[in-house]
Structures are given as C-alpha cells and as structure tokens.
Amino acid sequence: GLTLCVFTFALWTVFSYEESEKFNGFPIPKNAEVINSRKGFSSYSGLAVSETKKDGLPLIYRLHIKASGWKKTFQEGALTTYEKDNHKIDVIAETNYLSIGVNKE
C-alpha cells in the first residue's frame, strides 16, 4: 500500500500542473510547450496525449483536473468540455497535441 502511495505521489509531482489564470484555474501541464496562444485559447505540444486514449488525456492529468474541481460535462471525439463555477473549458487532445480554450456558449 505504502509503495503504491509513494509511487503515485512521485508521478503526481513529476507530471505537475499549474492552475491557469487564463482558463479560470483549469490545470495546465507545467512541461507543456506553448505553440499557439491568443485570448481565451492556447495549444501545446510535447505532451503524452492521444485521441486514441480514454478522454485523450493521461490518467494523472485527468486526476488533476478532477481534484481541481472540474467536472466533465461533454465529450465527442477528441473534444472534452469541463465545467466549474459557471466556467466551461474545451480540451482537444490529439496525438502529442493539446488545445485548451474557453467555451463561449
């Protein structure tokens, strides 16, 4: 049990995330490389994301999102929408590419 906890904590720390002011506190991978950014939108590369995975996102990232209080409210293909405190964030996960934007609906 303890070994699993230590291992999980190590993964949690290595794959660390920071709450983004731009996206109302939505967690963004710290090691993500920004390849495009404008008001209400950013895209990143250098991440282990894939449209073939469940939700396209690594488990640790999904756990961070959930732990930050975001709830998945919609999913279709590579697009997943998360919601928290009347804020909606669209996440598009494609192979080695992640796009995050403020949902305008």
PDB file of N, CA and C in Angstrom:
ATOM      1  N   GLY A   1       0.825  -1.203   0.000  1.00  0.00           N
ATOM      2  CA  GLY A   1       0.000   0.000   0.000  1.00  0.00           C
ATOM      3  C   GLY A   1       0.861   1.257   0.000  1.00  0.00           C
ATOM      4  N   LEU A   2       1.850   1.294   0.911  1.00  0.00           N
ATOM      5  CA  LEU A   2       2.692   2.488   1.038  1.00  0.00           C
ATOM      6  C   LEU A   2       3.508   2.721  -0.228  1.00  0.00           C
ATOM      7  N   THR A   3       4.026   1.639  -0.813  1.00  0.00           N
ATOM      8  CA  THR A   3       4.814   1.747  -2.041  1.00  0.00           C
ATOM      9  C   THR A   3       3.975   2.386  -3.154  1.00  0.00           C
ATOM     10  N   LEU A   4       2.727   1.928  -3.270  1.00  0.00           N
ATOM     11  CA  LEU A   4       1.834   2.488  -4.292  1.00  0.00           C
ATOM     12  C   LEU A   4       1.597   3.978  -4.038  1.00  0.00           C
ATOM     13  N   CYS A   5       1.410   4.354  -2.779  1.00  0.00           N
ATOM     14  CA  CYS A   5       1.196   5.769  -2.429  1.00  0.00           C
ATOM     15  C   CYS A   5       2.410   6.620  -2.804  1.00  0.00           C
ATOM     16  N   VAL A   6       3.606   6.115  -2.463  1.00  0.00           N
ATOM     17  CA  VAL A   6       4.847   6.832  -2.781  1.00  0.00           C
ATOM     18  C   VAL A   6       5.004   6.956  -4.298  1.00  0.00           C
ATOM     19  N   PHE A   7       4.763   5.864  -5.017  1.00  0.00           N
ATOM     20  CA  PHE A   7       4.859   5.848  -6.474  1.00  0.00           C
ATOM     21  C   PHE A   7       3.863   6.845  -7.090  1.00  0.00           C
ATOM     22  N   THR A   8       2.625   6.817  -6.609  1.00  0.00           N
ATOM     23  CA  THR A   8       1.588   7.729  -7.114  1.00  0.00           C
ATOM     24  C   THR A   8       1.983   9.174  -6.848  1.00  0.00           C
ATOM     25  N   PHE A   9       2.486   9.455  -5.641  1.00  0.00           N
ATOM     26  CA  PHE A   9       2.906  10.818  -5.311  1.00  0.00           C
ATOM     27  C   PHE A   9       4.064  11.255  -6.211  1.00  0.00           C
ATOM     28  N   ALA A  10       5.006  10.342  -6.474  1.00  0.00           N
ATOM     29  CA  ALA A  10       6.141  10.656  -7.346  1.00  0.00           C
ATOM     30  C   ALA A  10       5.639  11.012  -8.743  1.00  0.00           C
ATOM     31  N   LEU A  11       4.722  10.203  -9.275  1.00  0.00           N
ATOM     32  CA  LEU A  11       4.145  10.504 -10.594  1.00  0.00           C
ATOM     33  C   LEU A  11       3.425  11.845 -10.569  1.00  0.00           C
ATOM     34  N   TRP A  12       2.653  12.072  -9.505  1.00  0.00           N
ATOM     35  CA  TRP A  12       1.883  13.310  -9.346  1.00  0.00           C
ATOM     36  C   TRP A  12       2.828  14.521  -9.419  1.00  0.00           C
ATOM     37  N   THR A  13       3.978  14.401  -8.742  1.00  0.00           N
ATOM     38  CA  THR A  13       4.942  15.502  -8.700  1.00  0.00           C
ATOM     39  C   THR A  13       5.660  15.684 -10.034  1.00  0.00           C
ATOM     40  N   VAL A  14       6.094  14.566 -10.643  1.00  0.00           N
ATOM     41  CA  VAL A  14       6.805  14.636 -11.921  1.00  0.00           C
ATOM     42  C   VAL A  14       5.913  15.234 -13.001  1.00  0.00           C
ATOM     43  N   PHE A  15       4.691  14.751 -13.063  1.00  0.00           N
ATOM     44  CA  PHE A  15       3.748  15.268 -14.051  1.00  0.00           C
ATOM     45  C   PHE A  15       2.936  16.377 -13.396  1.00  0.00           C
ATOM     46  N   SER A  16       3.624  17.467 -13.063  1.00  0.00           N
ATOM     47  CA  SER A  16       2.959  18.510 -12.301  1.00  0.00           C
ATOM     48  C   SER A  16       2.216  19.503 -13.194  1.00  0.00           C
ATOM     49  N   TYR A  17       1.246  20.112 -12.592  1.00  0.00           N
ATOM     50  CA  TYR A  17       0.334  21.012 -13.297  1.00  0.00           C
ATOM     51  C   TYR A  17       0.192  22.289 -12.505  1.00  0.00           C
ATOM     52  N   GLU A  18      -0.130  23.364 -13.202  1.00  0.00           N
ATOM     53  CA  GLU A  18      -0.384  24.624 -12.512  1.00  0.00           C
ATOM     54  C   GLU A  18      -1.742  25.151 -12.953  1.00  0.00           C
ATOM     55  N   GLU A  19      -2.431  25.789 -12.017  1.00  0.00           N
ATOM     56  CA  GLU A  19      -3.734  26.348 -12.352  1.00  0.00           C
ATOM     57  C   GLU A  19      -3.527  27.578 -13.227  1.00  0.00           C
ATOM     58  N   SER A  20      -4.226  27.624 -14.334  1.00  0.00           N
ATOM     59  CA  SER A  20      -4.062  28.701 -15.296  1.00  0.00           C
ATOM     60  C   SER A  20      -5.059  29.821 -15.024  1.00  0.00           C
ATOM     61  N   GLU A  21      -4.530  31.019 -14.853  1.00  0.00           N
ATOM     62  CA  GLU A  21      -5.386  32.196 -14.681  1.00  0.00           C
ATOM     63  C   GLU A  21      -6.214  32.437 -15.948  1.00  0.00           C
ATOM     64  N   LYS A  22      -5.579  32.221 -17.086  1.00  0.00           N
ATOM     65  CA  LYS A  22      -6.212  32.431 -18.384  1.00  0.00           C
ATOM     66  C   LYS A  22      -7.455  31.557 -18.557  1.00  0.00           C
ATOM     67  N   PHE A  23      -7.409  30.341 -17.948  1.00  0.00           N
ATOM     68  CA  PHE A  23      -8.510  29.393 -18.102  1.00  0.00           C
ATOM     69  C   PHE A  23      -9.251  29.167 -16.783  1.00  0.00           C
ATOM     70  N   ASN A  24      -9.430  30.222 -16.013  1.00  0.00           N
ATOM     71  CA  ASN A  24     -10.227  30.183 -14.784  1.00  0.00           C
ATOM     72  C   ASN A  24      -9.774  29.102 -13.800  1.00  0.00           C
ATOM     73  N   GLY A  25      -8.458  28.888 -13.718  1.00  0.00           N
ATOM     74  CA  GLY A  25      -7.912  27.921 -12.778  1.00  0.00           C
ATOM     75  C   GLY A  25      -7.810  26.501 -13.293  1.00  0.00           C
ATOM     76  N   PHE A  26      -8.128  26.291 -14.588  1.00  0.00           N
ATOM     77  CA  PHE A  26      -8.011  24.949 -15.157  1.00  0.00           C
ATOM     78  C   PHE A  26      -6.535  24.538 -15.147  1.00  0.00           C
ATOM     79  N   PRO A  27      -6.220  23.304 -14.705  1.00  0.00           N
ATOM     80  CA  PRO A  27      -4.809  22.894 -14.638  1.00  0.00           C
ATOM     81  C   PRO A  27      -4.178  22.694 -16.020  1.00  0.00           C
ATOM     82  N   ILE A  28      -2.966  23.216 -16.156  1.00  0.00           N
ATOM     83  CA  ILE A  28      -2.196  23.110 -17.396  1.00  0.00           C
ATOM     84  C   ILE A  28      -0.894  22.374 -17.061  1.00  0.00           C
ATOM     85  N   PRO A  29      -0.471  21.399 -17.882  1.00  0.00           N
ATOM     86  CA  PRO A  29       0.802  20.710 -17.616  1.00  0.00           C
ATOM     87  C   PRO A  29       1.968  21.705 -17.642  1.00  0.00           C
ATOM     88  N   LYS A  30       2.793  21.675 -16.579  1.00  0.00           N
ATOM     89  CA  LYS A  30       3.922  22.612 -16.481  1.00  0.00           C
ATOM     90  C   LYS A  30       4.951  22.405 -17.586  1.00  0.00           C
ATOM     91  N   ASN A  31       5.108  21.157 -18.047  1.00  0.00           N
ATOM     92  CA  ASN A  31       6.125  20.880 -19.063  1.00  0.00           C
ATOM     93  C   ASN A  31       5.596  21.042 -20.484  1.00  0.00           C
ATOM     94  N   ALA A  32       4.390  21.566 -20.610  1.00  0.00           N
ATOM     95  CA  ALA A  32       3.806  21.755 -21.940  1.00  0.00           C
ATOM     96  C   ALA A  32       4.476  22.934 -22.643  1.00  0.00           C
ATOM     97  N   GLU A  33       4.740  22.753 -23.919  1.00  0.00           N
ATOM     98  CA  GLU A  33       5.342  23.822 -24.725  1.00  0.00           C
ATOM     99  C   GLU A  33       4.232  24.513 -25.511  1.00  0.00           C
ATOM    100  N   VAL A  34       4.075  25.823 -25.274  1.00  0.00           N
ATOM    101  CA  VAL A  34       3.031  26.585 -25.962  1.00  0.00           C
ATOM    102  C   VAL A  34       3.428  26.769 -27.424  1.00  0.00           C
ATOM    103  N   ILE A  35       2.541  26.346 -28.344  1.00  0.00           N
ATOM    104  CA  ILE A  35       2.846  26.535 -29.760  1.00  0.00           C
ATOM    105  C   ILE A  35       1.920  27.567 -30.398  1.00  0.00           C
ATOM    106  N   ASN A  36       0.843  27.902 -29.704  1.00  0.00           N
ATOM    107  CA  ASN A  36      -0.072  28.926 -30.211  1.00  0.00           C
ATOM    108  C   ASN A  36      -0.855  29.461 -29.027  1.00  0.00           C
ATOM    109  N   SER A  37      -0.994  30.773 -28.951  1.00  0.00           N
ATOM    110  CA  SER A  37      -1.730  31.348 -27.838  1.00  0.00           C
ATOM    111  C   SER A  37      -2.372  32.654 -28.259  1.00  0.00           C
ATOM    112  N   ARG A  38      -3.649  32.772 -27.923  1.00  0.00           N
ATOM    113  CA  ARG A  38      -4.339  34.047 -28.110  1.00  0.00           C
ATOM    114  C   ARG A  38      -5.391  34.148 -27.021  1.00  0.00           C
ATOM    115  N   LYS A  39      -6.139  35.210 -27.021  1.00  0.00           N
ATOM    116  CA  LYS A  39      -7.133  35.414 -25.962  1.00  0.00           C
ATOM    117  C   LYS A  39      -8.095  34.217 -25.872  1.00  0.00           C
ATOM    118  N   GLY A  40      -8.139  33.602 -24.700  1.00  0.00           N
ATOM    119  CA  GLY A  40      -9.072  32.512 -24.475  1.00  0.00           C
ATOM    120  C   GLY A  40      -8.721  31.185 -25.108  1.00  0.00           C
ATOM    121  N   PHE A  41      -7.488  31.046 -25.620  1.00  0.00           N
ATOM    122  CA  PHE A  41      -7.100  29.808 -26.300  1.00  0.00           C
ATOM    123  C   PHE A  41      -5.583  29.606 -26.250  1.00  0.00           C
ATOM    124  N   SER A  42      -5.153  28.387 -26.060  1.00  0.00           N
ATOM    125  CA  SER A  42      -3.733  28.028 -26.179  1.00  0.00           C
ATOM    126  C   SER A  42      -3.638  26.603 -26.687  1.00  0.00           C
ATOM    127  N   SER A  43      -2.585  26.334 -27.454  1.00  0.00           N
ATOM    128  CA  SER A  43      -2.312  24.957 -27.854  1.00  0.00           C
ATOM    129  C   SER A  43      -0.888  24.620 -27.440  1.00  0.00           C
ATOM    130  N   TYR A  44      -0.688  23.342 -27.139  1.00  0.00           N
ATOM    131  CA  TYR A  44       0.566  22.885 -26.556  1.00  0.00           C
ATOM    132  C   TYR A  44       1.052  21.633 -27.278  1.00  0.00           C
ATOM    133  N   SER A  45       2.378  21.433 -27.239  1.00  0.00           N
ATOM    134  CA  SER A  45       2.952  20.196 -27.766  1.00  0.00           C
ATOM    135  C   SER A  45       3.876  19.614 -26.711  1.00  0.00           C
ATOM    136  N   GLY A  46       4.437  18.451 -27.021  1.00  0.00           N
ATOM    137  CA  GLY A  46       5.370  17.805 -26.105  1.00  0.00           C
ATOM    138  C   GLY A  46       4.687  17.076 -24.969  1.00  0.00           C
ATOM    139  N   LEU A  47       3.435  16.683 -25.173  1.00  0.00           N
ATOM    140  CA  LEU A  47       2.688  16.002 -24.119  1.00  0.00           C
ATOM    141  C   LEU A  47       2.288  14.608 -24.565  1.00  0.00           C
ATOM    142  N   ALA A  48       2.130  13.720 -23.603  1.00  0.00           N
ATOM    143  CA  ALA A  48       1.710  12.345 -23.899  1.00  0.00           C
ATOM    144  C   ALA A  48       0.184  12.284 -23.973  1.00  0.00           C
ATOM    145  N   VAL A  49      -0.374  12.963 -24.947  1.00  0.00           N
ATOM    146  CA  VAL A  49      -1.821  12.907 -25.148  1.00  0.00           C
ATOM    147  C   VAL A  49      -2.087  12.226 -26.484  1.00  0.00           C
ATOM    148  N   SER A  50      -3.272  11.659 -26.613  1.00  0.00           N
ATOM    149  CA  SER A  50      -3.617  10.951 -27.833  1.00  0.00           C
ATOM    150  C   SER A  50      -5.113  10.823 -27.936  1.00  0.00           C
ATOM    151  N   GLU A  51      -5.637  11.007 -29.128  1.00  0.00           N
ATOM    152  CA  GLU A  51      -7.079  10.853 -29.319  1.00  0.00           C
ATOM    153  C   GLU A  51      -7.523   9.400 -29.189  1.00  0.00           C
ATOM    154  N   THR A  52      -6.567   8.477 -29.146  1.00  0.00           N
ATOM    155  CA  THR A  52      -6.944   7.070 -29.019  1.00  0.00           C
ATOM    156  C   THR A  52      -7.107   6.656 -27.550  1.00  0.00           C
ATOM    157  N   LYS A  53      -6.607   7.471 -26.607  1.00  0.00           N
ATOM    158  CA  LYS A  53      -6.765   7.164 -25.181  1.00  0.00           C
ATOM    159  C   LYS A  53      -8.161   7.560 -24.728  1.00  0.00           C
ATOM    160  N   LYS A  54      -8.578   6.998 -23.602  1.00  0.00           N
ATOM    161  CA  LYS A  54      -9.846   7.410 -22.990  1.00  0.00           C
ATOM    162  C   LYS A  54      -9.709   8.889 -22.651  1.00  0.00           C
ATOM    163  N   ASP A  55     -10.604   9.706 -23.106  1.00  0.00           N
ATOM    164  CA  ASP A  55     -10.575  11.156 -22.904  1.00  0.00           C
ATOM    165  C   ASP A  55      -9.358  11.821 -23.553  1.00  0.00           C
ATOM    166  N   GLY A  56      -8.467  11.029 -24.182  1.00  0.00           N
ATOM    167  CA  GLY A  56      -7.294  11.598 -24.820  1.00  0.00           C
ATOM    168  C   GLY A  56      -6.206  12.037 -23.871  1.00  0.00           C
ATOM    169  N   LEU A  57      -6.503  12.074 -22.564  1.00  0.00           N
ATOM    170  CA  LEU A  57      -5.556  12.604 -21.588  1.00  0.00           C
ATOM    171  C   LEU A  57      -5.004  11.507 -20.692  1.00  0.00           C
ATOM    172  N   PRO A  58      -3.734  11.657 -20.272  1.00  0.00           N
ATOM    173  CA  PRO A  58      -3.170  10.676 -19.334  1.00  0.00           C
ATOM    174  C   PRO A  58      -3.982  10.653 -18.029  1.00  0.00           C
ATOM    175  N   LEU A  59      -4.032   9.492 -17.381  1.00  0.00           N
ATOM    176  CA  LEU A  59      -4.784   9.329 -16.142  1.00  0.00           C
ATOM    177  C   LEU A  59      -4.403  10.373 -15.087  1.00  0.00           C
ATOM    178  N   ILE A  60      -3.099  10.598 -14.910  1.00  0.00           N
ATOM    179  CA  ILE A  60      -2.644  11.558 -13.893  1.00  0.00           C
ATOM    180  C   ILE A  60      -3.231  12.947 -14.170  1.00  0.00           C
ATOM    181  N   TYR A  61      -3.259  13.361 -15.428  1.00  0.00           N
ATOM    182  CA  TYR A  61      -3.822  14.673 -15.788  1.00  0.00           C
ATOM    183  C   TYR A  61      -5.323  14.705 -15.489  1.00  0.00           C
ATOM    184  N   ARG A  62      -6.022  13.622 -15.840  1.00  0.00           N
ATOM    185  CA  ARG A  62      -7.463  13.573 -15.557  1.00  0.00           C
ATOM    186  C   ARG A  62      -7.721  13.662 -14.059  1.00  0.00           C
ATOM    187  N   LEU A  63      -6.847  13.022 -13.264  1.00  0.00           N
ATOM    188  CA  LEU A  63      -6.984  13.092 -11.805  1.00  0.00           C
ATOM    189  C   LEU A  63      -6.759  14.514 -11.300  1.00  0.00           C
ATOM    190  N   HIS A  64      -5.777  15.216 -11.872  1.00  0.00           N
ATOM    191  CA  HIS A  64      -5.516  16.616 -11.507  1.00  0.00           C
ATOM    192  C   HIS A  64      -6.739  17.487 -11.819  1.00  0.00           C
ATOM    193  N   ILE A  65      -7.303  17.275 -12.995  1.00  0.00           N
ATOM    194  CA  ILE A  65      -8.472  18.062 -13.405  1.00  0.00           C
ATOM    195  C   ILE A  65      -9.614  17.842 -12.412  1.00  0.00           C
ATOM    196  N   LYS A  66      -9.861  16.575 -12.085  1.00  0.00           N
ATOM    197  CA  LYS A  66     -10.932  16.229 -11.149  1.00  0.00           C
ATOM    198  C   LYS A  66     -10.649  16.794  -9.754  1.00  0.00           C
ATOM    199  N   ALA A  67      -9.398  16.660  -9.303  1.00  0.00           N
ATOM    200  CA  ALA A  67      -9.011  17.155  -7.974  1.00  0.00           C
ATOM    201  C   ALA A  67      -9.141  18.674  -7.881  1.00  0.00           C
ATOM    202  N   SER A  68      -9.044  19.350  -9.025  1.00  0.00           N
ATOM    203  CA  SER A  68      -9.188  20.812  -9.054  1.00  0.00           C
ATOM    204  C   SER A  68     -10.655  21.233  -9.081  1.00  0.00           C
ATOM    205  N   GLY A  69     -11.559  20.249  -9.091  1.00  0.00           N
ATOM    206  CA  GLY A  69     -12.982  20.560  -9.025  1.00  0.00           C
ATOM    207  C   GLY A  69     -13.701  20.668 -10.353  1.00  0.00           C
ATOM    208  N   TRP A  70     -13.018  20.322 -11.449  1.00  0.00           N
ATOM    209  CA  TRP A  70     -13.636  20.395 -12.782  1.00  0.00           C
ATOM    210  C   TRP A  70     -14.385  19.104 -13.074  1.00  0.00           C
ATOM    211  N   LYS A  71     -15.565  19.218 -13.646  1.00  0.00           N
ATOM    212  CA  LYS A  71     -16.376  18.061 -13.995  1.00  0.00           C
ATOM    213  C   LYS A  71     -16.521  17.964 -15.511  1.00  0.00           C
ATOM    214  N   LYS A  72     -16.375  16.748 -16.033  1.00  0.00           N
ATOM    215  CA  LYS A  72     -16.561  16.527 -17.471  1.00  0.00           C
ATOM    216  C   LYS A  72     -18.057  16.625 -17.757  1.00  0.00           C
ATOM    217  N   THR A  73     -18.436  17.506 -18.685  1.00  0.00           N
ATOM    218  CA  THR A  73     -19.857  17.684 -18.994  1.00  0.00           C
ATOM    219  C   THR A  73     -20.211  17.292 -20.418  1.00  0.00           C
ATOM    220  N   PHE A  74     -19.202  17.121 -21.277  1.00  0.00           N
ATOM    221  CA  PHE A  74     -19.470  16.780 -22.674  1.00  0.00           C
ATOM    222  C   PHE A  74     -18.232  16.134 -23.270  1.00  0.00           C
ATOM    223  N   GLN A  75     -18.450  15.145 -24.152  1.00  0.00           N
ATOM    224  CA  GLN A  75     -17.330  14.573 -24.887  1.00  0.00           C
ATOM    225  C   GLN A  75     -17.809  14.076 -26.234  1.00  0.00           C
ATOM    226  N   GLU A  76     -17.050  14.433 -27.271  1.00  0.00           N
ATOM    227  CA  GLU A  76     -17.316  13.951 -28.624  1.00  0.00           C
ATOM    228  C   GLU A  76     -15.996  13.916 -29.365  1.00  0.00           C
ATOM    229  N   GLY A  77     -15.583  12.728 -29.762  1.00  0.00           N
ATOM    230  CA  GLY A  77     -14.298  12.593 -30.449  1.00  0.00           C
ATOM    231  C   GLY A  77     -13.157  13.059 -29.569  1.00  0.00           C
ATOM    232  N   ALA A  78     -12.308  13.926 -30.097  1.00  0.00           N
ATOM    233  CA  ALA A  78     -11.145  14.419 -29.364  1.00  0.00           C
ATOM    234  C   ALA A  78     -11.488  15.571 -28.417  1.00  0.00           C
ATOM    235  N   LEU A  79     -12.745  16.058 -28.479  1.00  0.00           N
ATOM    236  CA  LEU A  79     -13.163  17.211 -27.667  1.00  0.00           C
ATOM    237  C   LEU A  79     -13.804  16.773 -26.358  1.00  0.00           C
ATOM    238  N   THR A  80     -13.337  17.347 -25.258  1.00  0.00           N
ATOM    239  CA  THR A  80     -13.969  17.152 -23.952  1.00  0.00           C
ATOM    240  C   THR A  80     -14.207  18.529 -23.352  1.00  0.00           C
ATOM    241  N   THR A  81     -15.400  18.750 -22.800  1.00  0.00           N
ATOM    242  CA  THR A  81     -15.715  20.010 -22.133  1.00  0.00           C
ATOM    243  C   THR A  81     -15.798  19.763 -20.635  1.00  0.00           C
ATOM    244  N   TYR A  82     -15.114  20.636 -19.874  1.00  0.00           N
ATOM    245  CA  TYR A  82     -15.127  20.569 -18.408  1.00  0.00           C
ATOM    246  C   TYR A  82     -15.802  21.834 -17.885  1.00  0.00           C
ATOM    247  N   GLU A  83     -16.450  21.709 -16.729  1.00  0.00           N
ATOM    248  CA  GLU A  83     -17.170  22.837 -16.167  1.00  0.00           C
ATOM    249  C   GLU A  83     -16.892  22.963 -14.670  1.00  0.00           C
ATOM    250  N   LYS A  84     -16.775  24.224 -14.207  1.00  0.00           N
ATOM    251  CA  LYS A  84     -16.586  24.511 -12.785  1.00  0.00           C
ATOM    252  C   LYS A  84     -17.011  25.959 -12.547  1.00  0.00           C
ATOM    253  N   ASP A  85     -17.852  26.184 -11.553  1.00  0.00           N
ATOM    254  CA  ASP A  85     -18.269  27.542 -11.171  1.00  0.00           C
ATOM    255  C   ASP A  85     -18.735  28.378 -12.366  1.00  0.00           C
ATOM    256  N   ASN A  86     -19.604  27.839 -13.192  1.00  0.00           N
ATOM    257  CA  ASN A  86     -20.140  28.533 -14.372  1.00  0.00           C
ATOM    258  C   ASN A  86     -19.088  28.856 -15.438  1.00  0.00           C
ATOM    259  N   HIS A  87     -17.915  28.249 -15.347  1.00  0.00           N
ATOM    260  CA  HIS A  87     -16.884  28.390 -16.384  1.00  0.00           C
ATOM    261  C   HIS A  87     -16.822  27.076 -17.143  1.00  0.00           C
ATOM    262  N   LYS A  88     -16.679  27.168 -18.464  1.00  0.00           N
ATOM    263  CA  LYS A  88     -16.536  25.965 -19.298  1.00  0.00           C
ATOM    264  C   LYS A  88     -15.220  26.053 -20.056  1.00  0.00           C
ATOM    265  N   ILE A  89     -14.515  24.936 -20.093  1.00  0.00           N
ATOM    266  CA  ILE A  89     -13.233  24.849 -20.799  1.00  0.00           C
ATOM    267  C   ILE A  89     -13.318  23.689 -21.783  1.00  0.00           C
ATOM    268  N   ASP A  90     -12.946  23.939 -23.026  1.00  0.00           N
ATOM    269  CA  ASP A  90     -12.890  22.895 -24.049  1.00  0.00           C
ATOM    270  C   ASP A  90     -11.452  22.399 -24.167  1.00  0.00           C
ATOM    271  N   VAL A  91     -11.282  21.090 -24.124  1.00  0.00           N
ATOM    272  CA  VAL A  91      -9.961  20.483 -24.254  1.00  0.00           C
ATOM    273  C   VAL A  91     -10.004  19.540 -25.459  1.00  0.00           C
ATOM    274  N   ILE A  92      -9.086  19.756 -26.393  1.00  0.00           N
ATOM    275  CA  ILE A  92      -8.983  18.879 -27.555  1.00  0.00           C
ATOM    276  C   ILE A  92      -7.635  18.168 -27.451  1.00  0.00           C
ATOM    277  N   ALA A  93      -7.694  16.835 -27.366  1.00  0.00           N
ATOM    278  CA  ALA A  93      -6.475  16.032 -27.243  1.00  0.00           C
ATOM    279  C   ALA A  93      -6.289  15.217 -28.510  1.00  0.00           C
ATOM    280  N   GLU A  94      -5.225  15.521 -29.218  1.00  0.00           N
ATOM    281  CA  GLU A  94      -4.838  14.748 -30.388  1.00  0.00           C
ATOM    282  C   GLU A  94      -3.423  14.264 -30.123  1.00  0.00           C
ATOM    283  N   THR A  95      -2.920  13.364 -30.939  1.00  0.00           N
ATOM    284  CA  THR A  95      -1.608  12.787 -30.672  1.00  0.00           C
ATOM    285  C   THR A  95      -0.545  13.877 -30.529  1.00  0.00           C
ATOM    286  N   ASN A  96       0.073  13.923 -29.340  1.00  0.00           N
ATOM    287  CA  ASN A  96       1.135  14.878 -28.986  1.00  0.00           C
ATOM    288  C   ASN A  96       0.728  16.343 -29.131  1.00  0.00           C
ATOM    289  N   TYR A  97      -0.568  16.622 -29.080  1.00  0.00           N
ATOM    290  CA  TYR A  97      -1.051  17.996 -29.249  1.00  0.00           C
ATOM    291  C   TYR A  97      -2.253  18.194 -28.322  1.00  0.00           C
ATOM    292  N   LEU A  98      -2.246  19.283 -27.601  1.00  0.00           N
ATOM    293  CA  LEU A  98      -3.333  19.598 -26.684  1.00  0.00           C
ATOM    294  C   LEU A  98      -3.757  21.032 -26.915  1.00  0.00           C
ATOM    295  N   SER A  99      -5.059  21.223 -27.038  1.00  0.00           N
ATOM    296  CA  SER A  99      -5.595  22.560 -27.248  1.00  0.00           C
ATOM    297  C   SER A  99      -6.612  22.829 -26.136  1.00  0.00           C
ATOM    298  N   ILE A 100      -6.488  23.985 -25.507  1.00  0.00           N
ATOM    299  CA  ILE A 100      -7.384  24.356 -24.406  1.00  0.00           C
ATOM    300  C   ILE A 100      -7.981  25.719 -24.727  1.00  0.00           C
ATOM    301  N   GLY A 101      -9.282  25.824 -24.608  1.00  0.00           N
ATOM    302  CA  GLY A 101      -9.935  27.092 -24.909  1.00  0.00           C
ATOM    303  C   GLY A 101     -11.126  27.334 -23.999  1.00  0.00           C
ATOM    304  N   VAL A 102     -11.470  28.603 -23.821  1.00  0.00           N
ATOM    305  CA  VAL A 102     -12.648  28.973 -23.054  1.00  0.00           C
ATOM    306  C   VAL A 102     -13.859  28.720 -23.928  1.00  0.00           C
ATOM    307  N   ASN A 103     -14.821  27.968 -23.411  1.00  0.00           N
ATOM    308  CA  ASN A 103     -16.054  27.669 -24.113  1.00  0.00           C
ATOM    309  C   ASN A 103     -16.944  28.906 -24.052  1.00  0.00           C
ATOM    310  N   LYS A 104     -17.363  29.411 -25.217  1.00  0.00           N
ATOM    311  CA  LYS A 104     -18.098  30.676 -25.296  1.00  0.00           C
ATOM    312  C   LYS A 104     -19.617  30.513 -25.178  1.00  0.00           C
ATOM    313  N   GLU A 105     -20.092  29.259 -25.088  1.00  0.00           N
ATOM    314  CA  GLU A 105     -21.551  29.028 -25.038  1.00  0.00           C
ATOM    315  C   GLU A 105     -22.188  29.677 -23.824  1.00  0.00           C
TER     316      GLU A 105
END
